[in-house]
Amino acid sequence: MASTRLARSRPALLLEASKCYLLVTDLHIGFENRLVANDIHLNPSDVISETVQHLDEIIREEKPDKLILLGDVKSGTDSISKLEWLTVPRFFDIGKKIETIVIPGNHDGNLQRLVPEWITISSPSGIVIDDVLLTHGHVMPSENLSNVNKIIMGHVHPVYFNGGSVLDGERVWVSIKAEKNMIFPSSYGEIEITIMPSFNRYFYATSKKSHKRSISPILESIKSVKSAKIATLDGSIIGDESLLSKVL
């Protein structure tokens, strides 16, 4: 059975089975164009360099066998922007250092046109490793995958909003336990869902008023939660299911 652990104070997860997999999600490469409209200017070259550097550091420290990107590698949904043509292929040089697999997200339209031959693109439905489903989170998993006991996903960019807290606007981890039949109607028992924070530290909002939530059919199907844990990037637990409305 696979086990998971956090990559020291980073928005990345290690999934350990017969091999060790490094999981990250929601890079949203090319998002800088959206910020310019709000007079926020970031150098795309610097952002890519920082992203690759942070991944390199984790890979050197943890020595995973494979890197799995849980979707939304790029920012545009259907089209490919000029910025994405320039930056996404540069990012995928990471695949020369470690075997890399992409599970497409809702922002990865036409991503295959930007992906070099050394990168593997899976089905948007995700990948199953042991009893764990890895998916972006924007599509409902098939009943054929009902043998899994855990789902690891991204897509919704969990951020803690509490104006009176020093953690206001910080990315967080969310772990939810619920009845399995809410997602897989023919199944019984409990399922655990881990929602990963965005790897892109510039992408999330620091103001709840302007933060547009992504909707996941997986989470929408859960009408009641048995328990939940909210944790900071370093794994410190800051709340339970009562805080879900502040992060999702």
C-alpha atoms as a PDB file:
ATOM      1  CA  MET A   1       0.000   0.000   0.000  1.00  0.00           C
ATOM      2  CA  ALA A   2       1.323   3.428  -0.941  1.00  0.00           C
ATOM      3  CA  SER A   3       2.214   6.034   1.671  1.00  0.00           C
ATOM      4  CA  THR A   4       2.616   9.797   1.417  1.00  0.00           C
ATOM      5  CA  ARG A   5       4.692  12.464   3.103  1.00  0.00           C
ATOM      6  CA  LEU A   6       5.258  16.163   2.599  1.00  0.00           C
ATOM      7  CA  ALA A   7       8.411  17.512   0.969  1.00  0.00           C
ATOM      8  CA  ARG A   8       9.782  19.710   3.763  1.00  0.00           C
ATOM      9  CA  SER A   9       7.773  22.948   3.892  1.00  0.00           C
ATOM     10  CA  ARG A  10       7.143  22.817   0.154  1.00  0.00           C
ATOM     11  CA  PRO A  11       3.841  22.501  -1.754  1.00  0.00           C
ATOM     12  CA  ALA A  12       4.920  19.063  -2.953  1.00  0.00           C
ATOM     13  CA  LEU A  13       4.086  15.520  -1.920  1.00  0.00           C
ATOM     14  CA  LEU A  14       6.073  12.287  -2.021  1.00  0.00           C
ATOM     15  CA  LEU A  15       4.090   9.165  -2.862  1.00  0.00           C
ATOM     16  CA  GLU A  16       6.045   6.064  -1.921  1.00  0.00           C
ATOM     17  CA  ALA A  17       5.048   2.737  -3.431  1.00  0.00           C
ATOM     18  CA  SER A  18       7.277   0.375  -5.410  1.00  0.00           C
ATOM     19  CA  LYS A  19       8.872   3.631  -6.585  1.00  0.00           C
ATOM     20  CA  CYS A  20       8.984   7.142  -5.154  1.00  0.00           C
ATOM     21  CA  TYR A  21       6.916   9.750  -6.994  1.00  0.00           C
ATOM     22  CA  LEU A  22       7.186  13.511  -6.538  1.00  0.00           C
ATOM     23  CA  LEU A  23       3.785  15.176  -6.962  1.00  0.00           C
ATOM     24  CA  VAL A  24       3.173  18.863  -7.684  1.00  0.00           C
ATOM     25  CA  THR A  25       0.200  20.669  -9.174  1.00  0.00           C
ATOM     26  CA  ASP A  26      -1.052  23.925 -10.662  1.00  0.00           C
ATOM     27  CA  LEU A  27       2.074  25.618 -12.016  1.00  0.00           C
ATOM     28  CA  HIS A  28      -0.040  27.828 -14.333  1.00  0.00           C
ATOM     29  CA  ILE A  29       2.948  28.785 -16.476  1.00  0.00           C
ATOM     30  CA  GLY A  30       2.125  31.890 -18.496  1.00  0.00           C
ATOM     31  CA  PHE A  31      -0.223  33.369 -15.875  1.00  0.00           C
ATOM     32  CA  GLU A  32       1.878  36.556 -15.795  1.00  0.00           C
ATOM     33  CA  ASN A  33      -0.165  38.008 -18.657  1.00  0.00           C
ATOM     34  CA  ARG A  34      -3.193  38.143 -16.369  1.00  0.00           C
ATOM     35  CA  LEU A  35      -1.302  40.061 -13.706  1.00  0.00           C
ATOM     36  CA  VAL A  36      -0.124  42.787 -16.102  1.00  0.00           C
ATOM     37  CA  ALA A  37      -3.738  43.924 -16.463  1.00  0.00           C
ATOM     38  CA  ASN A  38      -3.674  44.685 -12.723  1.00  0.00           C
ATOM     39  CA  ASP A  39      -0.331  46.510 -12.940  1.00  0.00           C
ATOM     40  CA  ILE A  40       1.516  43.590 -11.335  1.00  0.00           C
ATOM     41  CA  HIS A  41       4.657  42.846 -13.309  1.00  0.00           C
ATOM     42  CA  LEU A  42       6.677  39.642 -12.998  1.00  0.00           C
ATOM     43  CA  ASN A  43       9.467  38.600 -15.315  1.00  0.00           C
ATOM     44  CA  PRO A  44       8.342  35.254 -16.832  1.00  0.00           C
ATOM     45  CA  SER A  45      11.950  34.159 -17.238  1.00  0.00           C
ATOM     46  CA  ASP A  46      12.583  34.719 -13.536  1.00  0.00           C
ATOM     47  CA  VAL A  47       9.410  32.848 -12.561  1.00  0.00           C
ATOM     48  CA  ILE A  48      10.357  29.813 -14.675  1.00  0.00           C
ATOM     49  CA  SER A  49      13.899  29.822 -13.287  1.00  0.00           C
ATOM     50  CA  GLU A  50      12.547  29.954  -9.737  1.00  0.00           C
ATOM     51  CA  THR A  51      10.060  27.136 -10.403  1.00  0.00           C
ATOM     52  CA  VAL A  52      12.723  24.871 -11.875  1.00  0.00           C
ATOM     53  CA  GLN A  53      15.147  25.743  -9.084  1.00  0.00           C
ATOM     54  CA  HIS A  54      12.622  24.793  -6.405  1.00  0.00           C
ATOM     55  CA  LEU A  55      11.854  21.503  -8.137  1.00  0.00           C
ATOM     56  CA  ASP A  56      15.555  20.790  -8.543  1.00  0.00           C
ATOM     57  CA  GLU A  57      16.091  21.344  -4.828  1.00  0.00           C
ATOM     58  CA  ILE A  58      13.328  18.896  -3.914  1.00  0.00           C
ATOM     59  CA  ILE A  59      14.610  16.322  -6.404  1.00  0.00           C
ATOM     60  CA  ARG A  60      18.148  16.572  -4.986  1.00  0.00           C
ATOM     61  CA  GLU A  61      16.885  16.271  -1.409  1.00  0.00           C
ATOM     62  CA  GLU A  62      14.299  13.530  -1.872  1.00  0.00           C
ATOM     63  CA  LYS A  63      15.701  11.628  -4.891  1.00  0.00           C
ATOM     64  CA  PRO A  64      12.306  10.550  -6.323  1.00  0.00           C
ATOM     65  CA  ASP A  65      12.149   8.137  -9.258  1.00  0.00           C
ATOM     66  CA  LYS A  66       9.515  10.094 -11.165  1.00  0.00           C
ATOM     67  CA  LEU A  67       7.891  13.521 -11.235  1.00  0.00           C
ATOM     68  CA  ILE A  68       4.106  13.645 -11.730  1.00  0.00           C
ATOM     69  CA  LEU A  69       2.427  16.971 -12.503  1.00  0.00           C
ATOM     70  CA  LEU A  70      -1.236  16.932 -11.463  1.00  0.00           C
ATOM     71  CA  GLY A  71      -2.459  19.322 -14.110  1.00  0.00           C
ATOM     72  CA  ASP A  72      -2.680  22.983 -15.068  1.00  0.00           C
ATOM     73  CA  VAL A  73       0.926  23.163 -16.168  1.00  0.00           C
ATOM     74  CA  LYS A  74      -0.019  26.099 -18.402  1.00  0.00           C
ATOM     75  CA  SER A  75      -2.370  29.004 -17.803  1.00  0.00           C
ATOM     76  CA  GLY A  76      -4.538  29.198 -20.939  1.00  0.00           C
ATOM     77  CA  THR A  77      -7.515  26.855 -21.150  1.00  0.00           C
ATOM     78  CA  ASP A  78      -7.799  26.217 -24.907  1.00  0.00           C
ATOM     79  CA  SER A  79      -5.417  28.494 -26.780  1.00  0.00           C
ATOM     80  CA  ILE A  80      -1.659  28.785 -26.374  1.00  0.00           C
ATOM     81  CA  SER A  81      -0.389  32.278 -25.686  1.00  0.00           C
ATOM     82  CA  LYS A  82       2.863  33.648 -27.060  1.00  0.00           C
ATOM     83  CA  LEU A  83       4.241  33.608 -23.538  1.00  0.00           C
ATOM     84  CA  GLU A  84       3.330  29.931 -23.119  1.00  0.00           C
ATOM     85  CA  TRP A  85       5.063  29.056 -26.408  1.00  0.00           C
ATOM     86  CA  LEU A  86       8.223  30.591 -24.949  1.00  0.00           C
ATOM     87  CA  THR A  87       8.078  29.375 -21.345  1.00  0.00           C
ATOM     88  CA  VAL A  88       6.353  25.973 -21.186  1.00  0.00           C
ATOM     89  CA  PRO A  89       8.915  24.117 -23.379  1.00  0.00           C
ATOM     90  CA  ARG A  90      11.678  25.674 -21.306  1.00  0.00           C
ATOM     91  CA  PHE A  91      10.106  24.343 -18.140  1.00  0.00           C
ATOM     92  CA  PHE A  92       9.873  20.842 -19.590  1.00  0.00           C
ATOM     93  CA  ASP A  93      13.658  20.623 -19.725  1.00  0.00           C
ATOM     94  CA  ILE A  94      13.099  19.234 -16.210  1.00  0.00           C
ATOM     95  CA  GLY A  95      12.183  15.997 -17.973  1.00  0.00           C
ATOM     96  CA  LYS A  96      15.827  15.556 -19.008  1.00  0.00           C
ATOM     97  CA  LYS A  97      16.697  15.187 -15.330  1.00  0.00           C
ATOM     98  CA  ILE A  98      13.823  13.008 -14.119  1.00  0.00           C
ATOM     99  CA  GLU A  99      11.122  10.951 -15.807  1.00  0.00           C
ATOM    100  CA  THR A 100       8.114  13.271 -15.947  1.00  0.00           C
ATOM    101  CA  ILE A 101       4.418  12.505 -16.381  1.00  0.00           C
ATOM    102  CA  VAL A 102       1.660  15.079 -16.870  1.00  0.00           C
ATOM    103  CA  ILE A 103      -1.963  14.462 -15.894  1.00  0.00           C
ATOM    104  CA  PRO A 104      -3.778  17.163 -17.915  1.00  0.00           C
ATOM    105  CA  GLY A 105      -5.945  19.708 -16.128  1.00  0.00           C
ATOM    106  CA  ASN A 106      -8.634  22.064 -17.390  1.00  0.00           C
ATOM    107  CA  HIS A 107      -5.993  24.685 -18.304  1.00  0.00           C
ATOM    108  CA  ASP A 108      -3.915  22.274 -20.374  1.00  0.00           C
ATOM    109  CA  GLY A 109      -5.744  22.553 -23.692  1.00  0.00           C
ATOM    110  CA  ASN A 110      -3.387  21.803 -26.602  1.00  0.00           C
ATOM    111  CA  LEU A 111      -0.589  21.117 -24.139  1.00  0.00           C
ATOM    112  CA  GLN A 112       0.679  18.276 -26.337  1.00  0.00           C
ATOM    113  CA  ARG A 113       1.872  20.904 -28.841  1.00  0.00           C
ATOM    114  CA  LEU A 114       4.282  22.236 -26.213  1.00  0.00           C
ATOM    115  CA  VAL A 115       5.502  18.936 -24.787  1.00  0.00           C
ATOM    116  CA  PRO A 116       8.829  17.443 -25.921  1.00  0.00           C
ATOM    117  CA  GLU A 117       9.174  13.745 -26.688  1.00  0.00           C
ATOM    118  CA  TRP A 118      10.702  12.920 -23.308  1.00  0.00           C
ATOM    119  CA  ILE A 119       7.530  13.929 -21.427  1.00  0.00           C
ATOM    120  CA  THR A 120       4.593  11.520 -20.988  1.00  0.00           C
ATOM    121  CA  ILE A 121       1.015  12.825 -21.018  1.00  0.00           C
ATOM    122  CA  SER A 122      -1.579  10.589 -19.344  1.00  0.00           C
ATOM    123  CA  SER A 123      -5.352  10.537 -19.686  1.00  0.00           C
ATOM    124  CA  PRO A 124      -7.164  13.424 -17.927  1.00  0.00           C
ATOM    125  CA  SER A 125      -8.911  10.776 -15.810  1.00  0.00           C
ATOM    126  CA  GLY A 126      -5.647  10.288 -13.937  1.00  0.00           C
ATOM    127  CA  ILE A 127      -3.255   7.569 -12.859  1.00  0.00           C
ATOM    128  CA  VAL A 128      -3.753   4.849 -10.238  1.00  0.00           C
ATOM    129  CA  ILE A 129      -0.753   3.806  -8.152  1.00  0.00           C
ATOM    130  CA  ASP A 130      -1.554   0.995  -5.735  1.00  0.00           C
ATOM    131  CA  ASP A 131      -4.774   2.191  -4.029  1.00  0.00           C
ATOM    132  CA  VAL A 132      -4.266   5.898  -4.836  1.00  0.00           C
ATOM    133  CA  LEU A 133      -5.846   7.878  -7.680  1.00  0.00           C
ATOM    134  CA  LEU A 134      -3.798  10.825  -8.881  1.00  0.00           C
ATOM    135  CA  THR A 135      -5.927  13.324 -10.785  1.00  0.00           C
ATOM    136  CA  HIS A 136      -6.222  17.049 -11.410  1.00  0.00           C
ATOM    137  CA  GLY A 137      -9.697  17.246  -9.893  1.00  0.00           C
ATOM    138  CA  HIS A 138     -11.774  18.846 -12.664  1.00  0.00           C
ATOM    139  CA  VAL A 139     -13.413  15.597 -13.833  1.00  0.00           C
ATOM    140  CA  MET A 140     -15.359  12.977 -11.923  1.00  0.00           C
ATOM    141  CA  PRO A 141     -13.484   9.659 -11.664  1.00  0.00           C
ATOM    142  CA  SER A 142     -14.975   6.643 -13.397  1.00  0.00           C
ATOM    143  CA  GLU A 143     -16.697   3.933 -11.398  1.00  0.00           C
ATOM    144  CA  ASN A 144     -14.033   1.638 -12.874  1.00  0.00           C
ATOM    145  CA  LEU A 145     -11.578   3.250 -10.449  1.00  0.00           C
ATOM    146  CA  SER A 146     -13.651   2.465  -7.355  1.00  0.00           C
ATOM    147  CA  ASN A 147     -10.964   0.146  -5.963  1.00  0.00           C
ATOM    148  CA  VAL A 148      -8.937   3.164  -4.804  1.00  0.00           C
ATOM    149  CA  ASN A 149      -9.031   4.283  -1.168  1.00  0.00           C
ATOM    150  CA  LYS A 150      -7.398   7.652  -1.637  1.00  0.00           C
ATOM    151  CA  ILE A 151      -7.535  10.509  -4.131  1.00  0.00           C
ATOM    152  CA  ILE A 152      -4.788  13.110  -4.481  1.00  0.00           C
ATOM    153  CA  MET A 153      -5.803  16.161  -6.498  1.00  0.00           C
ATOM    154  CA  GLY A 154      -5.143  19.839  -7.161  1.00  0.00           C
ATOM    155  CA  HIS A 155      -7.349  22.244  -9.129  1.00  0.00           C
ATOM    156  CA  VAL A 156      -8.969  24.204  -6.295  1.00  0.00           C
ATOM    157  CA  HIS A 157      -5.857  26.000  -4.929  1.00  0.00           C
ATOM    158  CA  PRO A 158      -6.675  25.842  -1.195  1.00  0.00           C
ATOM    159  CA  VAL A 159      -5.811  29.103   0.551  1.00  0.00           C
ATOM    160  CA  TYR A 160      -6.591  30.049   4.152  1.00  0.00           C
ATOM    161  CA  PHE A 161      -8.624  33.243   4.472  1.00  0.00           C
ATOM    162  CA  ASN A 162      -8.848  34.833   7.899  1.00  0.00           C
ATOM    163  CA  GLY A 163      -8.183  38.549   8.139  1.00  0.00           C
ATOM    164  CA  GLY A 164      -7.267  38.271  11.820  1.00  0.00           C
ATOM    165  CA  SER A 165      -4.609  35.606  11.311  1.00  0.00           C
ATOM    166  CA  VAL A 166      -0.938  35.828  10.328  1.00  0.00           C
ATOM    167  CA  LEU A 167      -1.736  32.918   7.997  1.00  0.00           C
ATOM    168  CA  ASP A 168      -4.279  34.916   6.003  1.00  0.00           C
ATOM    169  CA  GLY A 169      -3.729  34.299   2.282  1.00  0.00           C
ATOM    170  CA  GLU A 170      -1.365  31.368   2.816  1.00  0.00           C
ATOM    171  CA  ARG A 171      -1.540  28.179   0.762  1.00  0.00           C
ATOM    172  CA  VAL A 172      -2.595  25.132   2.763  1.00  0.00           C
ATOM    173  CA  TRP A 173      -3.021  21.372   2.557  1.00  0.00           C
ATOM    174  CA  VAL A 174      -6.494  19.884   2.943  1.00  0.00           C
ATOM    175  CA  SER A 175      -7.258  16.274   3.840  1.00  0.00           C
ATOM    176  CA  ILE A 176     -10.879  15.105   3.848  1.00  0.00           C
ATOM    177  CA  LYS A 177     -12.411  11.786   4.872  1.00  0.00           C
ATOM    178  CA  ALA A 178     -15.865  10.928   3.557  1.00  0.00           C
ATOM    179  CA  GLU A 179     -18.118   8.030   2.642  1.00  0.00           C
ATOM    180  CA  LYS A 180     -16.752   6.409  -0.491  1.00  0.00           C
ATOM    181  CA  ASN A 181     -20.169   5.916  -2.099  1.00  0.00           C
ATOM    182  CA  MET A 182     -20.529   9.678  -2.525  1.00  0.00           C
ATOM    183  CA  ILE A 183     -17.894   9.437  -5.266  1.00  0.00           C
ATOM    184  CA  PHE A 184     -18.242   5.794  -6.274  1.00  0.00           C
ATOM    185  CA  PRO A 185     -21.944   4.908  -5.764  1.00  0.00           C
ATOM    186  CA  SER A 186     -21.415   1.149  -5.892  1.00  0.00           C
ATOM    187  CA  SER A 187     -18.716   1.199  -3.191  1.00  0.00           C
ATOM    188  CA  TYR A 188     -18.723   1.158   0.589  1.00  0.00           C
ATOM    189  CA  GLY A 189     -16.338   2.319   3.268  1.00  0.00           C
ATOM    190  CA  GLU A 190     -14.292   5.469   3.602  1.00  0.00           C
ATOM    191  CA  ILE A 191     -12.187   7.439   1.157  1.00  0.00           C
ATOM    192  CA  GLU A 192      -9.523  10.034   1.880  1.00  0.00           C
ATOM    193  CA  ILE A 193      -9.039  13.020  -0.410  1.00  0.00           C
ATOM    194  CA  THR A 194      -5.846  15.069  -0.260  1.00  0.00           C
ATOM    195  CA  ILE A 195      -6.050  18.480  -1.933  1.00  0.00           C
ATOM    196  CA  MET A 196      -2.659  19.879  -2.819  1.00  0.00           C
ATOM    197  CA  PRO A 197      -1.783  23.586  -2.762  1.00  0.00           C
ATOM    198  CA  SER A 198      -0.665  25.318  -5.938  1.00  0.00           C
ATOM    199  CA  PHE A 199       3.072  25.025  -6.570  1.00  0.00           C
ATOM    200  CA  ASN A 200       2.968  28.516  -8.096  1.00  0.00           C
ATOM    201  CA  ARG A 201       3.367  30.858  -5.132  1.00  0.00           C
ATOM    202  CA  TYR A 202       2.353  33.905  -7.168  1.00  0.00           C
ATOM    203  CA  PHE A 203      -0.877  32.480  -8.500  1.00  0.00           C
ATOM    204  CA  TYR A 204      -3.092  32.369  -5.423  1.00  0.00           C
ATOM    205  CA  ALA A 205      -5.001  35.407  -4.216  1.00  0.00           C
ATOM    206  CA  THR A 206      -4.466  37.141  -0.892  1.00  0.00           C
ATOM    207  CA  SER A 207      -7.914  38.716  -0.880  1.00  0.00           C
ATOM    208  CA  LYS A 208     -10.992  36.538  -0.535  1.00  0.00           C
ATOM    209  CA  LYS A 209     -13.086  39.156  -2.323  1.00  0.00           C
ATOM    210  CA  SER A 210     -11.067  38.776  -5.510  1.00  0.00           C
ATOM    211  CA  HIS A 211     -10.386  35.043  -5.213  1.00  0.00           C
ATOM    212  CA  LYS A 212     -12.359  33.061  -7.755  1.00  0.00           C
ATOM    213  CA  ARG A 213     -12.826  29.505  -6.546  1.00  0.00           C
ATOM    214  CA  SER A 214     -12.406  26.588  -8.907  1.00  0.00           C
ATOM    215  CA  ILE A 215     -15.210  24.041  -8.740  1.00  0.00           C
ATOM    216  CA  SER A 216     -14.431  20.338  -8.532  1.00  0.00           C
ATOM    217  CA  PRO A 217     -17.117  17.712  -9.240  1.00  0.00           C
ATOM    218  CA  ILE A 218     -15.289  15.446  -6.799  1.00  0.00           C
ATOM    219  CA  LEU A 219     -15.728  17.881  -3.931  1.00  0.00           C
ATOM    220  CA  GLU A 220     -19.209  18.885  -5.071  1.00  0.00           C
ATOM    221  CA  SER A 221     -20.286  15.246  -4.751  1.00  0.00           C
ATOM    222  CA  ILE A 222     -19.334  15.127  -1.073  1.00  0.00           C
ATOM    223  CA  LYS A 223     -22.460  16.260   0.728  1.00  0.00           C
ATOM    224  CA  SER A 224     -21.089  15.582   4.208  1.00  0.00           C
ATOM    225  CA  VAL A 225     -17.562  15.238   5.564  1.00  0.00           C
ATOM    226  CA  LYS A 226     -16.661  12.737   8.274  1.00  0.00           C
ATOM    227  CA  SER A 227     -13.507  14.607   9.236  1.00  0.00           C
ATOM    228  CA  ALA A 228     -10.922  16.990   7.789  1.00  0.00           C
ATOM    229  CA  LYS A 229      -7.514  18.440   8.534  1.00  0.00           C
ATOM    230  CA  ILE A 230      -6.171  21.790   7.354  1.00  0.00           C
ATOM    231  CA  ALA A 231      -2.398  22.170   7.489  1.00  0.00           C
ATOM    232  CA  THR A 232       0.219  24.758   6.580  1.00  0.00           C
ATOM    233  CA  LEU A 233       2.886  23.977   3.987  1.00  0.00           C
ATOM    234  CA  ASP A 234       5.147  22.560   6.696  1.00  0.00           C
ATOM    235  CA  GLY A 235       2.411  20.201   7.883  1.00  0.00           C
ATOM    236  CA  SER A 236       1.321  22.087  11.012  1.00  0.00           C
ATOM    237  CA  ILE A 237      -2.379  21.418  11.560  1.00  0.00           C
ATOM    238  CA  ILE A 238      -4.363  24.631  11.954  1.00  0.00           C
ATOM    239  CA  GLY A 239      -7.934  23.352  11.854  1.00  0.00           C
ATOM    240  CA  ASP A 240     -10.512  20.700  11.118  1.00  0.00           C
ATOM    241  CA  GLU A 241     -13.668  20.398   9.016  1.00  0.00           C
ATOM    242  CA  SER A 242     -15.075  23.562  10.613  1.00  0.00           C
ATOM    243  CA  LEU A 243     -12.522  25.574   8.607  1.00  0.00           C
ATOM    244  CA  LEU A 244     -13.273  24.103   5.198  1.00  0.00           C
ATOM    245  CA  SER A 245     -15.377  27.106   4.169  1.00  0.00           C
ATOM    246  CA  LYS A 246     -12.312  29.320   4.717  1.00  0.00           C
ATOM    247  CA  VAL A 247     -10.087  27.340   2.363  1.00  0.00           C
ATOM    248  CA  LEU A 248     -12.331  25.771  -0.303  1.00  0.00           C
END
